[in-house]
Amino acid sequence: MIAVGGAIGTGLFLGAGERLNSAGPSLVVVFAITGLFAFFIARAMGELVMHRPTSGSFVSYSRELLGGEKAAFLAGWIYFLHWVCSGIAEITAVAVYLHYWSALRDIPQWTLALFALLVVLGANLISVRWFGEFEFWFAIIKVAAIVAFLAVGCWLLASRHPVAGQAGGPQLITDHGGMLPHGFLAAVVITQGVVFSYAAIEMVGITAGETENPREVIPKAINSVSWRIVVFYVCSVLLLVLLLPWTAYSGSESPFVTLMGKVGIPGADQIMNFVVLTAALSSCNSGLYSTGRTLRSMGLAGSAPRFTTRMNKRHVPFGGILLTASCYVLGIVLNYVVPDRAFSIVLNFSAITMIATWAMIMLCQLALRRRVKDGRAVSGGFRLPGAPFTSYLTLAFLLLVVVLMACDGDIGTWTVSCVPLIALGLWGGWYLVRGRVAAVAEERRIAAASGAAPLGGVPRQRGGAED
């Protein structure tokens, strides 16, 4: 449910409107193709988890399989940057959704974004059990809403019930320019935004360190989450273009709200707007959860500030959570300065950092497969189908998305041009912390040799969280 809650969010409920407007019905095909690669990435993550379950996730696997602490440092901070950008996108979306109601339109967008941040921060700091409860019900609401939307949409199509004065069907596609109204290139370019929509599918692996019997639960979760997410995305977008002309959608509101507002069911648009609001809160909630655990893993290794290792009495890594939340404040500022562009800016930065994270997962999976082949590791029995071919194919796909972003000519080009600056910052950060990382590693070695608790008595977490 955490992976479903994280992945089914703003990318579908808000971002799909803008992409339908720019590329038309071809968005359905792009979602299907990108969903296939998202499935490959989730299965690669599952292969790593079955090798060694840990809540340190791909940070821990990067340390083990890609060259030690430097690789773990890069993986952890890139993932942190992703969720900072993604979280800002989600709280921006919350503000946009709240403005749908006339009673809240006079409240500045940045104020509503701040309110959203405080809500999810509180849910994460109480306890992991409360986080799980919040996330479970957030996910239940959005999944139930999508299932209901699919059922209503299919009924509207089957009964030929008019929407906005016209019956739905394939003619809404053929009468408005076909599948590629703006050409093939427009369809290819939107792939960069669709990648953001599938972000968080890898979170199934992060939960392994706090899951009972992860070797039994995680494979089932990965398979079920993957196909459900792809079906929800592809079928939902297909219904959107079969029930209304794609020209009716825009980036100013959720396409689901647009459609339900024209169906003629009283209050349907209000209900759907509430659903997409909870979806955005859910994704932001998941981001705080994952970065808190990731930062703690890095802090215990010395590559993140020491306070990120701190746990409260309820075993919540509040240091890492508060560090992430403090970075979300930058999103509040962005919503104050450029409210109309805030979502698009952070969406592109989130996509580029997510691509880097997914690439690290695939590289770890390839390294593990080589070790198993050489007899230096034991296979966990849950393998990525078609690997290593599918591994290299996924890496090629991710590289293609980066190239498409660079050719965007707008925010995407600007985002990719900032990659060298991000790389320089990570390089400088590593040289600042490498001494402390080496000291922690030596302390661990001595502690292991003497049988003492590592890191001055920091207890080891179930599932290897300190890894």
Protein backbone atom coordinates (compact mmCIF):
# COMPACT_ATOMS: atom_id res chain seq x y z
CA MET A 1 0.00 0.00 0.00
CA ILE A 2 2.96 2.33 0.63
CA ALA A 3 4.23 1.76 -2.91
CA VAL A 4 0.75 2.22 -4.38
CA GLY A 5 0.28 5.35 -2.28
CA GLY A 6 3.60 6.77 -3.38
CA ALA A 7 3.32 5.98 -7.08
CA ILE A 8 -0.33 6.79 -7.76
CA GLY A 9 -0.37 10.49 -7.10
CA THR A 10 0.16 13.83 -8.72
CA GLY A 11 1.76 12.38 -11.85
CA LEU A 12 -1.58 10.83 -12.79
CA PHE A 13 -4.12 13.01 -11.03
CA LEU A 14 -2.71 16.40 -12.06
CA GLY A 15 0.15 15.89 -14.52
CA ALA A 16 -1.95 13.81 -16.94
CA GLY A 17 -4.09 16.85 -17.77
CA GLU A 18 -1.17 18.92 -19.04
CA ARG A 19 0.30 15.98 -20.97
CA LEU A 20 -3.02 15.15 -22.62
CA ASN A 21 -3.25 18.76 -23.72
CA SER A 22 0.26 18.72 -25.20
CA ALA A 23 0.41 15.24 -26.78
CA GLY A 24 -3.16 13.97 -27.01
CA PRO A 25 -4.26 10.29 -26.81
CA SER A 26 -0.72 9.02 -27.45
CA LEU A 27 -0.25 9.48 -23.69
CA VAL A 28 -1.95 6.08 -23.25
CA VAL A 29 0.81 4.33 -25.21
CA VAL A 30 3.56 6.28 -23.43
CA PHE A 31 2.14 5.25 -20.04
CA ALA A 32 2.07 1.59 -21.13
CA ILE A 33 5.68 1.59 -22.39
CA THR A 34 7.02 3.48 -19.37
CA GLY A 35 5.03 1.16 -17.10
CA LEU A 36 6.84 -1.84 -18.57
CA PHE A 37 10.20 -0.34 -17.65
CA ALA A 38 8.87 0.59 -14.20
CA PHE A 39 8.01 -3.09 -13.76
CA PHE A 40 11.58 -4.06 -14.72
CA ILE A 41 12.92 -1.63 -12.12
CA ALA A 42 10.61 -2.97 -9.41
CA ARG A 43 11.66 -6.54 -10.19
CA ALA A 44 15.34 -5.52 -10.12
CA MET A 45 14.69 -3.99 -6.70
CA GLY A 46 13.04 -7.23 -5.63
CA GLU A 47 16.07 -9.24 -6.72
CA LEU A 48 18.26 -7.06 -4.51
CA VAL A 49 15.87 -7.33 -1.55
CA MET A 50 15.79 -11.13 -1.77
CA HIS A 51 19.58 -11.10 -1.76
CA ARG A 52 19.60 -9.17 1.55
CA PRO A 53 16.53 -7.42 3.05
CA THR A 54 17.43 -4.03 4.54
CA SER A 55 15.69 -0.71 5.05
CA GLY A 56 18.92 0.90 3.84
CA SER A 57 17.66 -0.27 0.44
CA PHE A 58 19.65 0.70 -2.66
CA VAL A 59 21.96 2.88 -0.54
CA SER A 60 23.08 -0.28 1.19
CA TYR A 61 23.21 -2.24 -2.08
CA SER A 62 25.25 0.51 -3.75
CA ARG A 63 27.73 0.28 -0.88
CA GLU A 64 28.01 -3.48 -1.22
CA LEU A 65 27.90 -3.87 -4.99
CA LEU A 66 29.10 -0.64 -6.65
CA GLY A 67 32.26 0.36 -4.87
CA GLY A 68 31.75 1.10 -1.20
CA GLU A 69 30.88 4.28 0.63
CA LYS A 70 31.29 6.66 -2.30
CA ALA A 71 28.59 4.83 -4.26
CA ALA A 72 26.32 4.74 -1.20
CA PHE A 73 26.84 8.48 -0.72
CA LEU A 74 25.81 9.21 -4.30
CA ALA A 75 22.79 6.89 -4.21
CA GLY A 76 21.50 8.27 -0.93
CA TRP A 77 21.82 11.96 -1.70
CA ILE A 78 20.42 11.62 -5.21
CA TYR A 79 17.39 9.85 -3.76
CA PHE A 80 17.10 12.57 -1.14
CA LEU A 81 17.13 15.23 -3.86
CA HIS A 82 14.44 13.34 -5.73
CA TRP A 83 12.07 13.28 -2.80
CA VAL A 84 12.74 16.90 -1.96
CA CYS A 85 11.65 17.86 -5.48
CA SER A 86 8.81 15.34 -5.53
CA GLY A 87 7.56 16.45 -2.12
CA ILE A 88 7.54 20.07 -3.25
CA ALA A 89 5.54 19.01 -6.32
CA GLU A 90 3.03 17.21 -4.13
CA ILE A 91 2.46 20.06 -1.68
CA THR A 92 2.14 22.41 -4.68
CA ALA A 93 -0.51 20.08 -6.09
CA VAL A 94 -2.35 20.13 -2.75
CA ALA A 95 -2.49 23.92 -2.92
CA VAL A 96 -3.81 23.78 -6.50
CA TYR A 97 -6.50 21.26 -5.51
CA LEU A 98 -7.58 23.32 -2.49
CA HIS A 99 -8.03 26.36 -4.74
CA TYR A 100 -10.71 24.39 -6.61
CA TRP A 101 -13.10 25.23 -3.79
CA SER A 102 -14.24 28.84 -3.94
CA ALA A 103 -14.06 29.24 -0.16
CA LEU A 104 -10.27 28.73 -0.29
CA ARG A 105 -9.36 30.65 -3.44
CA ASP A 106 -8.48 33.83 -1.59
CA ILE A 107 -5.86 32.00 0.52
CA PRO A 108 -2.37 32.36 -1.04
CA GLN A 109 -1.02 29.20 -2.66
CA TRP A 110 2.09 29.18 -0.47
CA THR A 111 -0.06 29.18 2.69
CA LEU A 112 -1.97 26.10 1.56
CA ALA A 113 1.30 24.38 0.62
CA LEU A 114 2.63 25.07 4.13
CA PHE A 115 -0.53 23.56 5.62
CA ALA A 116 -0.02 20.39 3.57
CA LEU A 117 3.57 20.11 4.77
CA LEU A 118 2.57 20.39 8.43
CA VAL A 119 -0.07 17.65 8.03
CA VAL A 120 2.27 15.03 6.55
CA LEU A 121 5.12 15.98 8.88
CA GLY A 122 2.88 15.35 11.88
CA ALA A 123 1.80 11.96 10.49
CA ASN A 124 5.42 10.85 10.09
CA LEU A 125 6.69 12.05 13.47
CA ILE A 126 4.03 10.34 15.59
CA SER A 127 5.12 6.73 14.92
CA VAL A 128 5.67 4.33 12.05
CA ARG A 129 2.39 2.63 12.98
CA TRP A 130 0.51 5.90 12.61
CA PHE A 131 2.32 6.61 9.37
CA GLY A 132 1.24 3.18 8.13
CA GLU A 133 -2.37 3.85 9.13
CA PHE A 134 -2.40 7.25 7.39
CA GLU A 135 -0.79 5.82 4.28
CA PHE A 136 -3.05 2.77 4.21
CA TRP A 137 -6.22 4.87 4.27
CA PHE A 138 -4.82 7.46 1.87
CA ALA A 139 -4.03 4.62 -0.55
CA ILE A 140 -7.41 2.96 0.01
CA ILE A 141 -9.19 6.21 -0.88
CA LYS A 142 -7.29 6.70 -4.14
CA VAL A 143 -7.48 3.04 -5.18
CA ALA A 144 -11.22 2.90 -4.45
CA ALA A 145 -11.70 6.13 -6.39
CA ILE A 146 -9.78 4.83 -9.42
CA VAL A 147 -11.72 1.55 -9.37
CA ALA A 148 -14.98 3.51 -9.12
CA PHE A 149 -13.83 5.81 -11.93
CA LEU A 150 -13.00 2.81 -14.13
CA ALA A 151 -16.43 1.28 -13.39
CA VAL A 152 -18.31 4.52 -14.09
CA GLY A 153 -16.24 5.18 -17.21
CA CYS A 154 -16.91 1.72 -18.60
CA TRP A 155 -20.63 2.13 -17.90
CA LEU A 156 -20.67 5.52 -19.66
CA LEU A 157 -18.99 3.98 -22.70
CA ALA A 158 -21.18 0.88 -22.78
CA SER A 159 -24.43 2.81 -22.34
CA ARG A 160 -23.39 5.58 -24.76
CA HIS A 161 -24.36 8.06 -22.05
CA PRO A 162 -23.48 11.57 -23.29
CA VAL A 163 -20.73 13.51 -21.55
CA ALA A 164 -20.76 17.25 -22.23
CA GLY A 165 -23.42 16.67 -24.89
CA GLN A 166 -21.71 13.88 -26.85
CA ALA A 167 -21.38 10.14 -26.50
CA GLY A 168 -17.96 8.71 -25.79
CA GLY A 169 -16.02 6.31 -27.95
CA PRO A 170 -13.07 5.99 -30.36
CA GLN A 171 -14.55 8.75 -32.54
CA LEU A 172 -13.41 11.30 -29.93
CA ILE A 173 -9.87 10.31 -30.84
CA THR A 174 -10.24 10.06 -34.62
CA ASP A 175 -12.27 13.30 -34.88
CA HIS A 176 -9.60 15.31 -33.03
CA GLY A 177 -6.41 14.46 -34.89
CA GLY A 178 -6.02 10.77 -34.06
CA MET A 179 -3.52 9.23 -31.65
CA LEU A 180 -0.75 11.66 -32.65
CA PRO A 181 -2.43 15.06 -33.10
CA HIS A 182 0.86 16.92 -32.54
CA GLY A 183 3.08 14.35 -34.21
CA PHE A 184 5.37 11.56 -33.02
CA LEU A 185 7.95 13.88 -31.45
CA ALA A 186 5.39 15.42 -29.07
CA ALA A 187 4.47 11.94 -27.86
CA VAL A 188 8.11 11.00 -27.29
CA VAL A 189 8.94 14.21 -25.43
CA ILE A 190 6.24 13.71 -22.76
CA THR A 191 7.98 10.49 -21.67
CA GLN A 192 10.08 12.60 -19.31
CA GLY A 193 6.98 13.65 -17.37
CA VAL A 194 5.48 10.16 -17.38
CA VAL A 195 8.62 8.84 -15.68
CA PHE A 196 7.77 11.07 -12.72
CA SER A 197 4.35 9.42 -12.54
CA TYR A 198 5.88 6.02 -11.76
CA ALA A 199 8.31 7.36 -9.15
CA ALA A 200 8.05 5.52 -5.78
CA ILE A 201 7.43 2.09 -7.29
CA GLU A 202 10.84 1.18 -5.83
CA MET A 203 9.59 1.89 -2.31
CA VAL A 204 8.49 -1.73 -1.93
CA GLY A 205 12.16 -2.48 -1.33
CA ILE A 206 12.64 0.28 1.23
CA THR A 207 9.88 -1.16 3.43
CA ALA A 208 11.68 -4.52 3.63
CA GLY A 209 13.57 -3.56 6.79
CA GLU A 210 10.33 -2.98 8.69
CA THR A 211 8.32 -5.87 7.22
CA GLU A 212 7.56 -9.20 8.86
CA ASN A 213 8.95 -12.08 6.76
CA PRO A 214 10.24 -9.86 3.91
CA ARG A 215 11.40 -12.84 1.84
CA GLU A 216 7.80 -14.05 1.63
CA VAL A 217 6.00 -10.71 1.46
CA ILE A 218 8.17 -8.59 -0.83
CA PRO A 219 8.00 -10.76 -4.01
CA LYS A 220 4.20 -10.89 -3.82
CA ALA A 221 4.03 -7.16 -3.14
CA ILE A 222 6.30 -6.25 -6.05
CA ASN A 223 4.39 -8.33 -8.58
CA SER A 224 0.95 -7.16 -7.45
CA VAL A 225 1.91 -3.50 -7.05
CA SER A 226 3.55 -3.37 -10.47
CA TRP A 227 0.62 -4.65 -12.52
CA ARG A 228 -1.95 -2.72 -10.52
CA ILE A 229 -0.16 0.58 -10.99
CA VAL A 230 0.28 0.03 -14.73
CA VAL A 231 -3.36 -1.03 -15.19
CA PHE A 232 -4.63 1.92 -13.15
CA TYR A 233 -2.56 4.39 -15.16
CA VAL A 234 -3.16 3.01 -18.65
CA CYS A 235 -6.87 2.25 -18.23
CA SER A 236 -7.60 5.56 -16.50
CA VAL A 237 -5.95 7.65 -19.21
CA LEU A 238 -7.63 5.56 -21.92
CA LEU A 239 -11.05 6.30 -20.43
CA LEU A 240 -10.22 10.00 -20.17
CA VAL A 241 -9.63 10.25 -23.93
CA LEU A 242 -12.60 8.03 -24.82
CA LEU A 243 -15.10 10.04 -22.76
CA LEU A 244 -14.00 13.61 -23.57
CA PRO A 245 -11.93 15.13 -26.38
CA TRP A 246 -8.31 15.43 -25.25
CA THR A 247 -8.52 19.17 -25.96
CA ALA A 248 -10.88 19.55 -22.97
CA TYR A 249 -8.06 18.87 -20.50
CA SER A 250 -5.42 21.27 -19.18
CA GLY A 251 -2.78 21.52 -16.50
CA SER A 252 -4.80 23.94 -14.38
CA GLU A 253 -6.90 21.19 -12.77
CA SER A 254 -7.04 17.41 -12.50
CA PRO A 255 -8.39 15.77 -15.69
CA PHE A 256 -10.49 13.50 -13.47
CA VAL A 257 -12.14 16.55 -11.93
CA THR A 258 -12.67 18.01 -15.42
CA LEU A 259 -14.38 14.84 -16.63
CA MET A 260 -16.52 14.26 -13.53
CA GLY A 261 -17.63 17.88 -13.64
CA LYS A 262 -19.11 17.25 -17.11
CA VAL A 263 -20.73 13.88 -16.40
CA GLY A 264 -23.76 15.49 -14.82
CA ILE A 265 -23.63 13.63 -11.48
CA PRO A 266 -24.15 16.23 -8.72
CA GLY A 267 -21.08 16.65 -6.55
CA ALA A 268 -18.96 14.16 -8.54
CA ASP A 269 -16.29 16.75 -9.28
CA GLN A 270 -16.14 17.76 -5.60
CA ILE A 271 -15.65 14.17 -4.50
CA MET A 272 -12.97 13.58 -7.12
CA ASN A 273 -11.14 16.73 -6.10
CA PHE A 274 -11.06 15.45 -2.51
CA VAL A 275 -9.65 12.14 -3.76
CA VAL A 276 -6.84 13.74 -5.74
CA LEU A 277 -6.11 15.94 -2.72
CA THR A 278 -5.57 12.86 -0.53
CA ALA A 279 -3.47 11.33 -3.32
CA ALA A 280 -1.02 14.23 -3.23
CA LEU A 281 -0.83 14.12 0.57
CA SER A 282 -0.22 10.37 0.34
CA SER A 283 2.74 10.73 -2.03
CA CYS A 284 4.33 13.44 0.08
CA ASN A 285 3.76 11.29 3.17
CA SER A 286 5.59 8.39 1.49
CA GLY A 287 8.49 10.67 0.57
CA LEU A 288 9.08 11.74 4.15
CA TYR A 289 8.95 8.11 5.25
CA SER A 290 11.51 6.89 2.72
CA THR A 291 13.98 9.78 3.07
CA GLY A 292 13.91 9.52 6.87
CA ARG A 293 15.08 5.89 6.64
CA THR A 294 17.55 6.56 3.84
CA LEU A 295 19.15 9.50 5.65
CA ARG A 296 19.46 7.47 8.84
CA SER A 297 21.26 4.73 6.94
CA MET A 298 23.63 7.35 5.50
CA GLY A 299 24.08 9.08 8.84
CA LEU A 300 25.12 5.83 10.51
CA ALA A 301 27.76 5.45 7.80
CA GLY A 302 28.99 9.02 8.31
CA SER A 303 27.86 10.39 4.94
CA ALA A 304 24.95 12.42 6.35
CA PRO A 305 24.81 14.73 9.39
CA ARG A 306 24.92 12.87 12.71
CA PHE A 307 21.50 14.15 13.82
CA THR A 308 19.82 12.21 10.97
CA THR A 309 20.54 9.00 12.94
CA ARG A 310 18.44 10.09 15.90
CA MET A 311 15.35 8.07 16.74
CA ASN A 312 12.54 9.10 19.07
CA LYS A 313 10.92 6.81 21.66
CA ARG A 314 8.59 5.45 18.98
CA HIS A 315 11.57 4.40 16.80
CA VAL A 316 10.93 7.11 14.20
CA PRO A 317 14.09 8.57 12.57
CA PHE A 318 12.94 12.11 13.24
CA GLY A 319 16.29 13.69 12.37
CA GLY A 320 16.15 12.64 8.72
CA ILE A 321 12.45 13.45 8.47
CA LEU A 322 12.97 16.97 9.83
CA LEU A 323 15.89 17.57 7.44
CA THR A 324 13.68 16.64 4.46
CA ALA A 325 10.79 18.74 5.75
CA SER A 326 13.07 21.76 6.17
CA CYS A 327 14.03 21.44 2.49
CA TYR A 328 10.35 21.38 1.58
CA VAL A 329 10.22 24.93 2.88
CA LEU A 330 12.03 25.86 -0.36
CA GLY A 331 8.85 24.74 -2.09
CA ILE A 332 6.84 27.16 0.01
CA VAL A 333 9.11 29.94 -1.23
CA LEU A 334 8.74 28.72 -4.82
CA ASN A 335 4.96 28.78 -4.47
CA TYR A 336 5.22 32.34 -3.21
CA VAL A 337 7.53 33.57 -5.99
CA VAL A 338 6.26 31.68 -9.08
CA PRO A 339 3.02 29.87 -8.17
CA ASP A 340 2.08 29.21 -11.81
CA ARG A 341 5.41 27.52 -12.65
CA ALA A 342 6.27 25.89 -9.33
CA PHE A 343 4.83 22.47 -10.20
CA SER A 344 6.51 22.19 -13.63
CA ILE A 345 9.92 23.26 -12.30
CA VAL A 346 10.11 20.74 -9.46
CA LEU A 347 8.53 17.97 -11.56
CA ASN A 348 11.44 18.09 -14.01
CA PHE A 349 14.06 18.10 -11.26
CA SER A 350 12.27 15.20 -9.59
CA ALA A 351 12.28 13.25 -12.86
CA ILE A 352 16.02 13.68 -13.47
CA THR A 353 16.94 12.57 -9.94
CA MET A 354 14.50 9.64 -10.14
CA ILE A 355 16.15 8.52 -13.37
CA ALA A 356 19.53 8.55 -11.59
CA THR A 357 18.11 6.51 -8.70
CA TRP A 358 16.57 3.94 -11.04
CA ALA A 359 19.87 3.70 -12.93
CA MET A 360 21.67 2.95 -9.63
CA ILE A 361 19.15 0.17 -8.90
CA MET A 362 19.73 -1.40 -12.31
CA LEU A 363 23.52 -1.16 -11.95
CA CYS A 364 23.28 -2.83 -8.53
CA GLN A 365 21.15 -5.61 -10.01
CA LEU A 366 23.69 -6.18 -12.80
CA ALA A 367 26.55 -6.27 -10.29
CA LEU A 368 24.65 -8.77 -8.12
CA ARG A 369 23.90 -10.98 -11.13
CA ARG A 370 27.64 -11.01 -11.99
CA ARG A 371 28.51 -12.01 -8.42
CA VAL A 372 25.98 -14.83 -8.48
CA LYS A 373 27.39 -16.03 -11.80
CA ASP A 374 30.94 -15.96 -10.40
CA GLY A 375 29.88 -17.83 -7.26
CA ARG A 376 30.53 -14.87 -4.92
CA ALA A 377 26.85 -14.47 -3.97
CA VAL A 378 23.76 -16.65 -3.70
CA SER A 379 20.64 -15.88 -5.72
CA GLY A 380 17.54 -15.10 -3.68
CA GLY A 381 15.35 -16.90 -6.22
CA PHE A 382 13.44 -13.80 -7.34
CA ARG A 383 14.98 -12.61 -10.59
CA LEU A 384 14.35 -9.85 -13.11
CA PRO A 385 12.87 -11.58 -16.19
CA GLY A 386 15.07 -11.42 -19.26
CA ALA A 387 18.12 -10.03 -17.44
CA PRO A 388 20.73 -8.92 -18.27
CA PHE A 389 19.11 -7.89 -21.59
CA THR A 390 16.19 -6.18 -19.84
CA SER A 391 18.63 -4.50 -17.45
CA TYR A 392 20.61 -2.91 -20.28
CA LEU A 393 17.42 -2.08 -22.16
CA THR A 394 16.09 -0.24 -19.11
CA LEU A 395 19.35 1.72 -18.76
CA ALA A 396 19.12 2.67 -22.45
CA PHE A 397 15.52 3.82 -21.94
CA LEU A 398 16.52 6.00 -18.98
CA LEU A 399 19.32 7.56 -21.04
CA LEU A 400 16.83 8.29 -23.83
CA VAL A 401 14.57 10.11 -21.37
CA VAL A 402 17.47 12.34 -20.29
CA VAL A 403 18.23 13.16 -23.93
CA LEU A 404 14.56 14.03 -24.49
CA MET A 405 14.63 16.33 -21.49
CA ALA A 406 17.72 18.06 -22.85
CA CYS A 407 15.93 18.66 -26.18
CA ASP A 408 12.82 20.04 -24.50
CA GLY A 409 13.78 23.65 -25.15
CA ASP A 410 12.07 24.81 -21.96
CA ILE A 411 12.30 23.72 -18.32
CA GLY A 412 13.64 20.27 -19.28
CA THR A 413 16.67 21.75 -21.06
CA TRP A 414 17.35 24.01 -18.12
CA THR A 415 17.05 21.05 -15.74
CA VAL A 416 19.54 18.87 -17.63
CA SER A 417 21.95 21.80 -17.87
CA CYS A 418 21.95 21.90 -14.06
CA VAL A 419 23.12 18.27 -13.82
CA PRO A 420 26.84 19.22 -13.89
CA LEU A 421 26.20 21.60 -10.96
CA ILE A 422 24.45 18.82 -9.03
CA ALA A 423 27.36 16.48 -9.81
CA LEU A 424 29.84 19.10 -8.64
CA GLY A 425 27.91 19.55 -5.41
CA LEU A 426 27.88 15.80 -4.78
CA TRP A 427 31.59 15.57 -5.55
CA GLY A 428 32.36 18.37 -3.11
CA GLY A 429 30.08 16.84 -0.49
CA TRP A 430 31.90 13.52 -0.69
CA TYR A 431 35.27 15.15 -0.09
CA LEU A 432 33.83 16.93 2.93
CA VAL A 433 32.56 13.75 4.59
CA ARG A 434 34.98 11.07 3.41
CA GLY A 435 37.15 11.46 6.51
CA ARG A 436 34.19 10.92 8.81
CA VAL A 437 33.00 7.98 6.67
CA ALA A 438 36.41 6.32 7.00
CA ALA A 439 36.40 6.92 10.75
CA VAL A 440 32.96 5.33 11.15
CA ALA A 441 34.02 2.34 9.05
CA GLU A 442 37.07 1.85 11.24
CA GLU A 443 34.95 2.19 14.39
CA ARG A 444 32.62 -0.47 13.06
CA ARG A 445 35.51 -2.77 12.27
CA ILE A 446 36.90 -2.43 15.78
CA ALA A 447 33.47 -2.85 17.34
CA ALA A 448 32.82 -5.99 15.28
CA ALA A 449 36.16 -7.43 16.32
CA SER A 450 35.52 -6.75 20.02
CA GLY A 451 31.83 -7.69 19.96
CA ALA A 452 30.75 -4.22 21.17
CA ALA A 453 27.75 -2.28 19.85
CA PRO A 454 28.71 -0.28 16.73
CA LEU A 455 28.81 3.49 16.56
CA GLY A 456 29.09 4.13 20.24
CA GLY A 457 26.18 1.94 21.25
CA VAL A 458 23.65 2.66 18.51
CA PRO A 459 21.49 -0.47 18.52
CA ARG A 460 21.15 -2.51 15.37
CA GLN A 461 17.71 -2.32 13.78
CA ARG A 462 15.70 -5.28 12.60
CA GLY A 463 16.23 -5.83 8.91
CA GLY A 464 19.64 -4.17 8.89
CA ALA A 465 18.54 -0.54 8.95
CA GLU A 466 22.03 0.53 9.89
CA ASP A 467 23.26 -0.87 6.57
